N, C-alpha and C. Protein backbone atom coordinates (compact mmCIF):
# COMPACT_ATOMS: atom_id res chain seq x y z
N UNK A 1 -1.58 -6.70 17.51
CA UNK A 1 -1.87 -5.85 18.65
C UNK A 1 -1.63 -6.64 19.93
N UNK A 2 -0.97 -6.01 20.88
CA UNK A 2 -0.66 -6.67 22.15
C UNK A 2 -1.85 -6.61 23.09
N UNK A 3 -2.02 -7.66 23.91
CA UNK A 3 -3.08 -7.61 24.92
C UNK A 3 -2.84 -6.44 25.87
N UNK A 4 -3.91 -5.92 26.42
CA UNK A 4 -3.79 -4.76 27.33
C UNK A 4 -2.90 -5.08 28.52
N UNK A 5 -2.02 -4.16 28.83
CA UNK A 5 -1.17 -4.30 30.01
C UNK A 5 0.06 -5.16 29.78
N UNK A 6 0.25 -5.69 28.59
CA UNK A 6 1.40 -6.55 28.33
C UNK A 6 2.39 -5.78 27.47
N UNK A 7 3.62 -5.67 27.95
CA UNK A 7 4.63 -4.97 27.16
C UNK A 7 5.31 -5.95 26.20
N UNK A 8 6.01 -5.45 25.20
CA UNK A 8 6.63 -6.32 24.21
C UNK A 8 7.61 -7.34 24.80
N UNK A 9 8.31 -6.95 25.86
CA UNK A 9 9.27 -7.88 26.48
C UNK A 9 8.54 -9.08 27.09
N UNK A 10 7.42 -8.81 27.79
CA UNK A 10 6.62 -9.88 28.36
C UNK A 10 6.05 -10.79 27.26
N UNK A 11 5.63 -10.15 26.18
CA UNK A 11 5.08 -10.91 25.05
C UNK A 11 6.14 -11.85 24.47
N UNK A 12 7.38 -11.36 24.29
CA UNK A 12 8.46 -12.20 23.76
C UNK A 12 8.76 -13.37 24.70
N UNK A 13 8.75 -13.12 26.03
CA UNK A 13 9.00 -14.19 26.99
C UNK A 13 7.90 -15.25 26.92
N UNK A 14 6.66 -14.81 26.78
CA UNK A 14 5.54 -15.73 26.70
C UNK A 14 5.64 -16.57 25.40
N UNK A 15 6.02 -15.92 24.31
CA UNK A 15 6.15 -16.63 23.04
C UNK A 15 7.28 -17.66 23.10
N UNK A 16 8.38 -17.33 23.78
CA UNK A 16 9.48 -18.28 23.93
C UNK A 16 9.03 -19.51 24.71
N UNK A 17 8.22 -19.31 25.74
CA UNK A 17 7.69 -20.43 26.52
C UNK A 17 6.83 -21.34 25.65
N UNK A 18 6.17 -20.78 24.67
CA UNK A 18 5.32 -21.56 23.76
C UNK A 18 6.11 -22.15 22.60
N UNK A 19 7.41 -21.90 22.57
CA UNK A 19 8.25 -22.44 21.51
C UNK A 19 8.23 -21.61 20.24
N UNK A 20 7.88 -20.34 20.37
CA UNK A 20 7.84 -19.44 19.23
C UNK A 20 8.99 -18.45 19.35
N UNK A 21 9.89 -18.46 18.37
CA UNK A 21 11.01 -17.54 18.38
C UNK A 21 10.83 -16.51 17.26
N UNK A 22 10.97 -15.24 17.61
CA UNK A 22 10.84 -14.16 16.64
C UNK A 22 12.18 -13.45 16.54
N UNK A 23 12.62 -13.24 15.30
CA UNK A 23 13.92 -12.60 15.09
C UNK A 23 13.80 -11.63 13.92
N UNK A 24 14.32 -10.43 14.11
CA UNK A 24 14.34 -9.46 13.01
C UNK A 24 15.59 -9.71 12.17
N UNK A 25 15.42 -9.75 10.87
CA UNK A 25 16.54 -9.92 9.95
C UNK A 25 17.05 -8.53 9.62
N UNK A 26 18.31 -8.28 9.94
CA UNK A 26 18.85 -6.93 9.77
C UNK A 26 19.52 -6.76 8.41
N UNK A 27 19.68 -5.52 8.03
CA UNK A 27 20.37 -5.10 6.80
C UNK A 27 19.76 -5.71 5.53
N UNK A 28 18.45 -5.78 5.46
CA UNK A 28 17.78 -6.29 4.27
C UNK A 28 17.84 -5.21 3.19
N UNK A 29 18.39 -5.57 2.04
CA UNK A 29 18.52 -4.62 0.93
C UNK A 29 17.26 -4.60 0.07
N UNK A 30 16.74 -5.82 -0.26
CA UNK A 30 15.62 -5.89 -1.18
C UNK A 30 14.90 -7.23 -1.01
N UNK A 31 13.57 -7.19 -1.12
CA UNK A 31 12.76 -8.40 -1.13
C UNK A 31 11.90 -8.33 -2.39
N UNK A 32 11.90 -9.43 -3.17
CA UNK A 32 11.13 -9.47 -4.41
C UNK A 32 10.17 -10.66 -4.35
N UNK A 33 8.89 -10.38 -4.61
CA UNK A 33 7.88 -11.41 -4.71
C UNK A 33 7.46 -11.46 -6.17
N UNK A 34 7.64 -12.61 -6.81
CA UNK A 34 7.32 -12.74 -8.23
C UNK A 34 6.06 -13.55 -8.43
N UNK A 35 5.15 -13.02 -9.26
CA UNK A 35 3.99 -13.77 -9.70
C UNK A 35 4.13 -13.97 -11.21
N UNK A 36 3.14 -14.55 -11.84
CA UNK A 36 3.21 -14.76 -13.28
C UNK A 36 3.31 -13.46 -14.06
N UNK A 37 2.66 -12.42 -13.57
CA UNK A 37 2.57 -11.18 -14.35
C UNK A 37 3.24 -9.97 -13.70
N UNK A 38 3.54 -10.04 -12.40
CA UNK A 38 4.08 -8.87 -11.70
C UNK A 38 5.20 -9.25 -10.74
N UNK A 39 5.99 -8.24 -10.38
CA UNK A 39 6.98 -8.36 -9.31
C UNK A 39 6.67 -7.28 -8.29
N UNK A 40 6.66 -7.66 -7.03
CA UNK A 40 6.50 -6.71 -5.93
C UNK A 40 7.88 -6.55 -5.31
N UNK A 41 8.46 -5.36 -5.47
CA UNK A 41 9.83 -5.12 -5.02
C UNK A 41 9.79 -4.22 -3.79
N UNK A 42 10.30 -4.74 -2.68
CA UNK A 42 10.39 -3.98 -1.43
C UNK A 42 11.85 -3.57 -1.26
N UNK A 43 12.14 -2.27 -1.38
CA UNK A 43 13.49 -1.77 -1.14
C UNK A 43 13.59 -1.40 0.34
N UNK A 44 14.68 -1.78 0.98
CA UNK A 44 14.91 -1.47 2.40
C UNK A 44 13.73 -1.92 3.27
N UNK A 45 13.27 -3.13 3.07
CA UNK A 45 12.15 -3.66 3.83
C UNK A 45 12.57 -4.09 5.23
N UNK A 46 11.61 -4.10 6.13
CA UNK A 46 11.83 -4.65 7.47
C UNK A 46 11.27 -6.07 7.44
N UNK A 47 12.13 -7.05 7.72
CA UNK A 47 11.72 -8.46 7.64
C UNK A 47 11.87 -9.10 9.02
N UNK A 48 10.81 -9.77 9.44
CA UNK A 48 10.81 -10.49 10.71
C UNK A 48 10.55 -11.96 10.42
N UNK A 49 11.36 -12.83 11.06
CA UNK A 49 11.19 -14.26 10.90
C UNK A 49 10.64 -14.84 12.21
N UNK A 50 9.61 -15.66 12.08
CA UNK A 50 9.03 -16.31 13.24
C UNK A 50 9.14 -17.81 13.04
N UNK A 51 9.71 -18.50 14.02
CA UNK A 51 9.85 -19.95 13.97
C UNK A 51 8.95 -20.53 15.06
N UNK A 52 7.92 -21.25 14.62
CA UNK A 52 6.98 -21.86 15.57
C UNK A 52 6.84 -23.34 15.22
N UNK A 53 7.31 -24.19 16.11
CA UNK A 53 7.22 -25.65 15.95
C UNK A 53 7.83 -26.10 14.62
N UNK A 54 8.98 -25.53 14.29
CA UNK A 54 9.71 -25.93 13.08
C UNK A 54 9.23 -25.28 11.80
N UNK A 55 8.17 -24.51 11.86
CA UNK A 55 7.63 -23.83 10.68
C UNK A 55 8.09 -22.37 10.70
N UNK A 56 8.77 -21.95 9.63
CA UNK A 56 9.25 -20.58 9.56
C UNK A 56 8.27 -19.72 8.76
N UNK A 57 7.96 -18.55 9.32
CA UNK A 57 7.08 -17.59 8.68
C UNK A 57 7.81 -16.26 8.63
N UNK A 58 7.69 -15.57 7.48
CA UNK A 58 8.35 -14.28 7.31
C UNK A 58 7.31 -13.19 7.15
N UNK A 59 7.56 -12.06 7.82
CA UNK A 59 6.69 -10.90 7.69
C UNK A 59 7.50 -9.77 7.09
N UNK A 60 6.96 -9.15 6.04
CA UNK A 60 7.65 -8.07 5.35
C UNK A 60 6.87 -6.79 5.59
N UNK A 61 7.56 -5.76 6.04
CA UNK A 61 6.94 -4.46 6.24
C UNK A 61 7.64 -3.45 5.33
N UNK A 62 6.85 -2.70 4.60
CA UNK A 62 7.39 -1.71 3.68
C UNK A 62 6.40 -1.46 2.57
N UNK A 63 6.74 -0.55 1.69
CA UNK A 63 5.88 -0.21 0.57
C UNK A 63 6.53 -0.74 -0.71
N UNK A 64 5.85 -1.65 -1.40
CA UNK A 64 6.45 -2.20 -2.61
C UNK A 64 6.21 -1.31 -3.82
N UNK A 65 7.11 -1.44 -4.80
CA UNK A 65 6.83 -0.88 -6.11
C UNK A 65 6.48 -2.08 -6.98
N UNK A 66 5.47 -1.93 -7.80
CA UNK A 66 4.98 -3.03 -8.62
C UNK A 66 5.55 -2.89 -10.02
N UNK A 67 6.16 -3.98 -10.51
CA UNK A 67 6.77 -3.99 -11.83
C UNK A 67 6.09 -5.08 -12.64
N UNK A 68 5.64 -4.74 -13.85
CA UNK A 68 5.06 -5.73 -14.74
C UNK A 68 6.16 -6.66 -15.25
N UNK A 69 5.90 -7.95 -15.26
CA UNK A 69 6.89 -8.92 -15.74
C UNK A 69 6.69 -9.18 -17.22
N UNK A 70 7.78 -9.20 -17.94
CA UNK A 70 7.74 -9.52 -19.36
C UNK A 70 7.97 -11.02 -19.50
N UNK A 71 7.13 -11.66 -20.30
CA UNK A 71 7.25 -13.10 -20.48
C UNK A 71 8.52 -13.43 -21.26
N UNK A 72 9.27 -14.39 -20.78
CA UNK A 72 10.51 -14.80 -21.44
C UNK A 72 10.18 -15.78 -22.56
N UNK A 73 10.83 -15.60 -23.70
CA UNK A 73 10.65 -16.50 -24.83
C UNK A 73 11.71 -17.59 -24.77
N UNK A 74 11.31 -18.82 -24.99
CA UNK A 74 12.29 -19.90 -24.97
C UNK A 74 12.98 -19.99 -26.33
N UNK A 75 14.23 -20.41 -26.28
CA UNK A 75 15.01 -20.55 -27.52
C UNK A 75 14.39 -21.61 -28.42
N UNK A 76 13.80 -22.65 -27.82
CA UNK A 76 13.17 -23.72 -28.61
C UNK A 76 11.98 -23.17 -29.40
N UNK A 77 11.19 -22.28 -28.77
CA UNK A 77 10.05 -21.68 -29.47
C UNK A 77 10.53 -20.81 -30.64
N UNK A 78 11.56 -20.02 -30.39
CA UNK A 78 12.12 -19.15 -31.43
C UNK A 78 12.64 -19.99 -32.59
N UNK A 79 13.38 -21.05 -32.27
CA UNK A 79 13.94 -21.94 -33.31
C UNK A 79 12.83 -22.59 -34.14
N UNK A 80 11.75 -22.98 -33.49
CA UNK A 80 10.66 -23.62 -34.20
C UNK A 80 10.01 -22.65 -35.19
N UNK A 81 9.79 -21.42 -34.76
CA UNK A 81 9.19 -20.42 -35.65
C UNK A 81 10.11 -20.12 -36.83
N UNK A 82 11.41 -20.01 -36.56
CA UNK A 82 12.38 -19.78 -37.63
C UNK A 82 12.36 -20.94 -38.63
N UNK A 83 12.35 -22.16 -38.11
CA UNK A 83 12.36 -23.36 -38.95
C UNK A 83 11.10 -23.45 -39.82
N UNK A 84 9.97 -23.14 -39.24
CA UNK A 84 8.70 -23.27 -39.95
C UNK A 84 8.44 -22.15 -40.96
N UNK A 85 9.03 -20.98 -40.72
CA UNK A 85 8.74 -19.83 -41.58
C UNK A 85 9.90 -19.42 -42.48
N UNK A 86 11.10 -19.85 -42.14
CA UNK A 86 12.27 -19.44 -42.90
C UNK A 86 12.67 -18.00 -42.65
N UNK A 87 12.12 -17.40 -41.61
CA UNK A 87 12.42 -16.01 -41.27
C UNK A 87 13.60 -15.94 -40.31
N UNK A 88 14.06 -14.71 -40.04
CA UNK A 88 15.21 -14.51 -39.15
C UNK A 88 14.80 -14.69 -37.69
N UNK A 89 15.80 -14.81 -36.84
CA UNK A 89 15.58 -14.95 -35.40
C UNK A 89 14.87 -13.71 -34.86
N UNK A 90 15.30 -12.52 -35.30
CA UNK A 90 14.67 -11.28 -34.83
C UNK A 90 13.21 -11.21 -35.22
N UNK A 91 12.89 -11.62 -36.45
CA UNK A 91 11.49 -11.61 -36.89
C UNK A 91 10.67 -12.60 -36.08
N UNK A 92 11.24 -13.76 -35.79
CA UNK A 92 10.55 -14.76 -34.99
C UNK A 92 10.29 -14.25 -33.57
N UNK A 93 11.29 -13.60 -32.98
CA UNK A 93 11.11 -13.03 -31.63
C UNK A 93 10.00 -12.00 -31.61
N UNK A 94 10.02 -11.10 -32.60
CA UNK A 94 9.00 -10.05 -32.66
C UNK A 94 7.60 -10.64 -32.82
N UNK A 95 7.49 -11.67 -33.66
CA UNK A 95 6.18 -12.31 -33.86
C UNK A 95 5.71 -13.00 -32.59
N UNK A 96 6.62 -13.67 -31.89
CA UNK A 96 6.25 -14.34 -30.63
C UNK A 96 5.86 -13.32 -29.56
N UNK A 97 6.57 -12.21 -29.51
CA UNK A 97 6.22 -11.16 -28.55
C UNK A 97 4.85 -10.57 -28.87
N UNK A 98 4.58 -10.35 -30.16
CA UNK A 98 3.29 -9.78 -30.57
C UNK A 98 2.13 -10.72 -30.28
N UNK A 99 2.41 -12.02 -30.31
CA UNK A 99 1.34 -13.01 -30.07
C UNK A 99 1.38 -13.56 -28.65
N UNK A 100 2.16 -12.92 -27.79
CA UNK A 100 2.28 -13.31 -26.38
C UNK A 100 2.71 -14.76 -26.23
N UNK A 101 3.65 -15.19 -27.08
CA UNK A 101 4.22 -16.52 -26.97
C UNK A 101 3.46 -17.63 -27.67
N UNK A 102 2.38 -17.28 -28.38
CA UNK A 102 1.59 -18.30 -29.09
C UNK A 102 2.34 -18.69 -30.37
N UNK A 103 2.91 -19.88 -30.37
CA UNK A 103 3.76 -20.33 -31.48
C UNK A 103 2.98 -20.43 -32.78
N UNK A 104 1.83 -21.08 -32.74
CA UNK A 104 1.02 -21.27 -33.96
C UNK A 104 0.62 -19.93 -34.56
N UNK A 105 0.19 -19.02 -33.73
CA UNK A 105 -0.22 -17.71 -34.21
C UNK A 105 0.97 -16.94 -34.79
N UNK A 106 2.13 -17.07 -34.17
CA UNK A 106 3.34 -16.40 -34.68
C UNK A 106 3.72 -16.95 -36.06
N UNK A 107 3.62 -18.27 -36.23
CA UNK A 107 3.94 -18.89 -37.52
C UNK A 107 2.96 -18.40 -38.59
N UNK A 108 1.69 -18.38 -38.26
CA UNK A 108 0.67 -17.89 -39.21
C UNK A 108 0.91 -16.44 -39.58
N UNK A 109 1.22 -15.65 -38.58
CA UNK A 109 1.47 -14.21 -38.82
C UNK A 109 2.62 -14.01 -39.78
N UNK A 110 3.72 -14.73 -39.58
CA UNK A 110 4.88 -14.57 -40.45
C UNK A 110 4.65 -15.18 -41.83
N UNK A 111 3.84 -16.22 -41.91
CA UNK A 111 3.56 -16.87 -43.18
C UNK A 111 2.68 -16.00 -44.06
N UNK A 112 1.82 -15.19 -43.44
CA UNK A 112 0.90 -14.31 -44.17
C UNK A 112 1.59 -13.07 -44.71
N UNK A 113 2.69 -12.68 -44.11
CA UNK A 113 3.37 -11.43 -44.51
C UNK A 113 4.09 -11.58 -45.80
């Protein structure tokens, strides 16, 4: 919020005097923020970059759609389960997915079947 009586142009001039530069990044197609379990996807977001004393800060305006992230299985984990159980790669993948990547539990599950 701007101080009373100050227009945006005056505010930009004052910020420049303080060494703060604000620039809008144009033609942004997509911004994605990834966490361990989710992705926040901003389509056609408005992005503003502020540079103050060498530190860059980005502001994103828009409405994100939230996407659940699927955990990636490593090839080493799959190979280990295959080696320990003698099962196929597909069976090992399914067991690892069912156990949320827990190798020991996947091996036990396939050994019991």
